[in-house]
């Protein structure tokens, strides 16, 4: 059952935990928390690539989206439930983005967009797979 939960919820939960624990910087700006540097790497070009906490959350969101798109290619009895749960995750993201002050960041917006892409791609890929299965069966 745990595999049937939308993996995009992981980035949503991770964002909320970090925002809740990190808090605002006193001005109501939560972006400083997610701008915390985790590591940096010097590049051959002479530039420095810095990886932040926000980058980590976004990476988790992208990986979760990848898993969700792969999951949507299967056809089973639970697929419809999986899509419904993905829609619920997107609705939670949308409501939180509009109503919760610490969700008013570009990072959270991108998490919400990954949830939306999960919904759209999930239904699109499932429909394509179902059409293919119907074409093979008769």
C-alpha atoms as a PDB file:
ATOM      1  CA  UNK A   1       0.000   0.000   0.000  1.00  0.00           C
ATOM      2  CA  UNK A   2       2.854   2.375   0.755  1.00  0.00           C
ATOM      3  CA  UNK A   3       4.086   2.138  -2.840  1.00  0.00           C
ATOM      4  CA  UNK A   4       0.680   3.306  -4.042  1.00  0.00           C
ATOM      5  CA  UNK A   5       0.960   6.617  -2.215  1.00  0.00           C
ATOM      6  CA  UNK A   6       2.020   9.484  -4.454  1.00  0.00           C
ATOM      7  CA  UNK A   7       5.752   9.972  -4.031  1.00  0.00           C
ATOM      8  CA  UNK A   8       5.315  13.692  -4.646  1.00  0.00           C
ATOM      9  CA  UNK A   9       3.996  13.911  -1.097  1.00  0.00           C
ATOM     10  CA  UNK A  10       7.563  13.291   0.125  1.00  0.00           C
ATOM     11  CA  UNK A  11       8.761  16.679  -1.155  1.00  0.00           C
ATOM     12  CA  UNK A  12       5.647  18.354   0.265  1.00  0.00           C
ATOM     13  CA  UNK A  13       6.264  16.846   3.701  1.00  0.00           C
ATOM     14  CA  UNK A  14       9.998  17.601   3.537  1.00  0.00           C
ATOM     15  CA  UNK A  15       9.329  21.242   2.655  1.00  0.00           C
ATOM     16  CA  UNK A  16       6.831  21.626   5.502  1.00  0.00           C
ATOM     17  CA  UNK A  17       9.166  20.056   8.057  1.00  0.00           C
ATOM     18  CA  UNK A  18      12.085  22.281   7.058  1.00  0.00           C
ATOM     19  CA  UNK A  19       9.920  25.429   6.945  1.00  0.00           C
ATOM     20  CA  UNK A  20       8.344  24.637  10.316  1.00  0.00           C
ATOM     21  CA  UNK A  21      11.659  23.864  12.024  1.00  0.00           C
ATOM     22  CA  UNK A  22      13.672  26.572  10.256  1.00  0.00           C
ATOM     23  CA  UNK A  23      11.097  29.301  10.640  1.00  0.00           C
ATOM     24  CA  UNK A  24      11.225  32.757   9.180  1.00  0.00           C
ATOM     25  CA  UNK A  25      14.202  35.061   9.486  1.00  0.00           C
ATOM     26  CA  UNK A  26      12.145  37.585  11.471  1.00  0.00           C
ATOM     27  CA  UNK A  27      10.782  39.342   8.409  1.00  0.00           C
ATOM     28  CA  UNK A  28       8.431  36.551   7.393  1.00  0.00           C
ATOM     29  CA  UNK A  29      10.825  35.481   4.632  1.00  0.00           C
ATOM     30  CA  UNK A  30      11.230  31.706   4.581  1.00  0.00           C
ATOM     31  CA  UNK A  31      13.590  31.690   1.610  1.00  0.00           C
ATOM     32  CA  UNK A  32      16.636  32.177   3.843  1.00  0.00           C
ATOM     33  CA  UNK A  33      16.003  28.803   5.482  1.00  0.00           C
ATOM     34  CA  UNK A  34      16.016  27.054   2.131  1.00  0.00           C
ATOM     35  CA  UNK A  35      19.063  29.052   1.002  1.00  0.00           C
ATOM     36  CA  UNK A  36      21.211  27.308   3.609  1.00  0.00           C
ATOM     37  CA  UNK A  37      24.356  26.040   1.893  1.00  0.00           C
ATOM     38  CA  UNK A  38      24.851  22.281   2.154  1.00  0.00           C
ATOM     39  CA  UNK A  39      28.052  22.103   0.112  1.00  0.00           C
ATOM     40  CA  UNK A  40      29.879  23.750  -2.735  1.00  0.00           C
ATOM     41  CA  UNK A  41      32.171  22.429  -5.436  1.00  0.00           C
ATOM     42  CA  UNK A  42      34.801  24.350  -7.365  1.00  0.00           C
ATOM     43  CA  UNK A  43      34.457  23.827 -11.105  1.00  0.00           C
ATOM     44  CA  UNK A  44      37.104  23.741 -13.823  1.00  0.00           C
ATOM     45  CA  UNK A  45      35.689  26.993 -15.177  1.00  0.00           C
ATOM     46  CA  UNK A  46      36.685  28.713 -11.950  1.00  0.00           C
ATOM     47  CA  UNK A  47      33.096  29.081 -10.846  1.00  0.00           C
ATOM     48  CA  UNK A  48      31.680  27.528  -7.727  1.00  0.00           C
ATOM     49  CA  UNK A  49      28.524  25.434  -7.677  1.00  0.00           C
ATOM     50  CA  UNK A  50      26.647  25.736  -4.401  1.00  0.00           C
ATOM     51  CA  UNK A  51      24.027  23.181  -3.384  1.00  0.00           C
ATOM     52  CA  UNK A  52      21.420  24.518  -0.935  1.00  0.00           C
ATOM     53  CA  UNK A  53      18.709  22.986   1.202  1.00  0.00           C
ATOM     54  CA  UNK A  54      16.131  24.267  -1.280  1.00  0.00           C
ATOM     55  CA  UNK A  55      18.008  22.545  -4.099  1.00  0.00           C
ATOM     56  CA  UNK A  56      17.799  19.287  -2.152  1.00  0.00           C
ATOM     57  CA  UNK A  57      14.037  19.629  -1.714  1.00  0.00           C
ATOM     58  CA  UNK A  58      13.621  20.375  -5.421  1.00  0.00           C
ATOM     59  CA  UNK A  59      15.805  17.381  -6.335  1.00  0.00           C
ATOM     60  CA  UNK A  60      13.585  15.163  -4.169  1.00  0.00           C
ATOM     61  CA  UNK A  61      10.524  16.600  -5.948  1.00  0.00           C
ATOM     62  CA  UNK A  62      11.997  15.804  -9.380  1.00  0.00           C
ATOM     63  CA  UNK A  63      12.955  12.272  -8.369  1.00  0.00           C
ATOM     64  CA  UNK A  64       9.475  11.727  -6.946  1.00  0.00           C
ATOM     65  CA  UNK A  65       7.943  12.989 -10.197  1.00  0.00           C
ATOM     66  CA  UNK A  66      10.105  10.562 -12.171  1.00  0.00           C
ATOM     67  CA  UNK A  67       8.920   7.644 -10.009  1.00  0.00           C
ATOM     68  CA  UNK A  68       5.300   8.750 -10.380  1.00  0.00           C
ATOM     69  CA  UNK A  69       5.548   8.884 -14.177  1.00  0.00           C
ATOM     70  CA  UNK A  70       7.040   5.379 -14.233  1.00  0.00           C
ATOM     71  CA  UNK A  71       4.262   4.179 -11.901  1.00  0.00           C
ATOM     72  CA  UNK A  72       1.581   5.646 -14.160  1.00  0.00           C
ATOM     73  CA  UNK A  73       2.651   3.363 -17.030  1.00  0.00           C
ATOM     74  CA  UNK A  74       1.347   0.284 -15.217  1.00  0.00           C
ATOM     75  CA  UNK A  75      -2.230  -0.808 -15.573  1.00  0.00           C
ATOM     76  CA  UNK A  76      -3.754  -2.336 -12.482  1.00  0.00           C
ATOM     77  CA  UNK A  77      -6.782  -2.079 -10.261  1.00  0.00           C
ATOM     78  CA  UNK A  78      -5.076   0.413  -7.952  1.00  0.00           C
ATOM     79  CA  UNK A  79      -4.089   2.864 -10.728  1.00  0.00           C
ATOM     80  CA  UNK A  80      -7.277   4.912 -10.395  1.00  0.00           C
ATOM     81  CA  UNK A  81      -6.765   5.223  -6.631  1.00  0.00           C
ATOM     82  CA  UNK A  82      -3.164   6.300  -7.236  1.00  0.00           C
ATOM     83  CA  UNK A  83      -4.329   9.043  -9.612  1.00  0.00           C
ATOM     84  CA  UNK A  84      -6.981  10.210  -7.150  1.00  0.00           C
ATOM     85  CA  UNK A  85      -4.357  10.455  -4.409  1.00  0.00           C
ATOM     86  CA  UNK A  86      -2.108  12.451  -6.756  1.00  0.00           C
ATOM     87  CA  UNK A  87      -4.964  14.892  -7.348  1.00  0.00           C
ATOM     88  CA  UNK A  88      -5.410  15.225  -3.574  1.00  0.00           C
ATOM     89  CA  UNK A  89      -1.680  15.977  -3.139  1.00  0.00           C
ATOM     90  CA  UNK A  90      -1.937  18.685  -5.816  1.00  0.00           C
ATOM     91  CA  UNK A  91      -5.019  20.208  -4.153  1.00  0.00           C
ATOM     92  CA  UNK A  92      -3.217  20.241  -0.796  1.00  0.00           C
ATOM     93  CA  UNK A  93      -0.258  21.992  -2.449  1.00  0.00           C
ATOM     94  CA  UNK A  94      -2.530  24.548  -4.112  1.00  0.00           C
ATOM     95  CA  UNK A  95      -4.402  25.345  -0.907  1.00  0.00           C
ATOM     96  CA  UNK A  96      -1.190  25.565   1.082  1.00  0.00           C
ATOM     97  CA  UNK A  97       0.416  27.840  -1.531  1.00  0.00           C
ATOM     98  CA  UNK A  98      -2.536  30.228  -1.373  1.00  0.00           C
ATOM     99  CA  UNK A  99      -3.264  30.097   2.372  1.00  0.00           C
ATOM    100  CA  UNK A 100      -0.022  29.398   4.288  1.00  0.00           C
ATOM    101  CA  UNK A 101       2.602  32.170   4.586  1.00  0.00           C
ATOM    102  CA  UNK A 102       5.673  29.894   4.596  1.00  0.00           C
ATOM    103  CA  UNK A 103       4.497  28.261   1.366  1.00  0.00           C
ATOM    104  CA  UNK A 104       4.655  31.555  -0.536  1.00  0.00           C
ATOM    105  CA  UNK A 105       8.044  30.802  -2.103  1.00  0.00           C
ATOM    106  CA  UNK A 106       9.206  29.937  -5.587  1.00  0.00           C
ATOM    107  CA  UNK A 107      10.487  26.617  -4.259  1.00  0.00           C
ATOM    108  CA  UNK A 108       7.044  25.636  -3.014  1.00  0.00           C
ATOM    109  CA  UNK A 109       5.540  26.815  -6.304  1.00  0.00           C
ATOM    110  CA  UNK A 110       7.841  24.384  -8.155  1.00  0.00           C
ATOM    111  CA  UNK A 111       6.840  21.578  -5.774  1.00  0.00           C
ATOM    112  CA  UNK A 112       3.210  22.383  -6.568  1.00  0.00           C
ATOM    113  CA  UNK A 113       3.980  22.314 -10.301  1.00  0.00           C
ATOM    114  CA  UNK A 114       5.598  18.861  -9.961  1.00  0.00           C
ATOM    115  CA  UNK A 115       2.390  17.685  -8.276  1.00  0.00           C
ATOM    116  CA  UNK A 116       0.364  19.149 -11.164  1.00  0.00           C
ATOM    117  CA  UNK A 117       2.620  17.490 -13.753  1.00  0.00           C
ATOM    118  CA  UNK A 118       2.187  14.226 -11.844  1.00  0.00           C
ATOM    119  CA  UNK A 119      -1.599  14.526 -12.199  1.00  0.00           C
ATOM    120  CA  UNK A 120      -1.547  15.452 -15.887  1.00  0.00           C
ATOM    121  CA  UNK A 121       1.178  13.000 -16.904  1.00  0.00           C
ATOM    122  CA  UNK A 122      -0.326  10.235 -14.793  1.00  0.00           C
ATOM    123  CA  UNK A 123      -3.670  10.412 -16.562  1.00  0.00           C
ATOM    124  CA  UNK A 124      -2.053  10.894 -19.995  1.00  0.00           C
ATOM    125  CA  UNK A 125       0.350   7.969 -19.656  1.00  0.00           C
ATOM    126  CA  UNK A 126      -2.358   5.730 -18.185  1.00  0.00           C
ATOM    127  CA  UNK A 127      -4.722   6.507 -21.049  1.00  0.00           C
ATOM    128  CA  UNK A 128      -2.022   5.751 -23.591  1.00  0.00           C
ATOM    129  CA  UNK A 129      -1.140   2.474 -21.856  1.00  0.00           C
ATOM    130  CA  UNK A 130      -4.811   1.492 -21.626  1.00  0.00           C
ATOM    131  CA  UNK A 131      -5.339   2.201 -25.341  1.00  0.00           C
ATOM    132  CA  UNK A 132      -2.294   0.086 -26.156  1.00  0.00           C
ATOM    133  CA  UNK A 133      -3.580  -2.772 -23.991  1.00  0.00           C
ATOM    134  CA  UNK A 134      -7.039  -2.569 -25.605  1.00  0.00           C
ATOM    135  CA  UNK A 135      -5.455  -2.591 -29.075  1.00  0.00           C
ATOM    136  CA  UNK A 136      -3.492  -5.733 -28.291  1.00  0.00           C
ATOM    137  CA  UNK A 137      -6.434  -7.516 -26.691  1.00  0.00           C
ATOM    138  CA  UNK A 138      -8.908  -6.948 -29.456  1.00  0.00           C
END
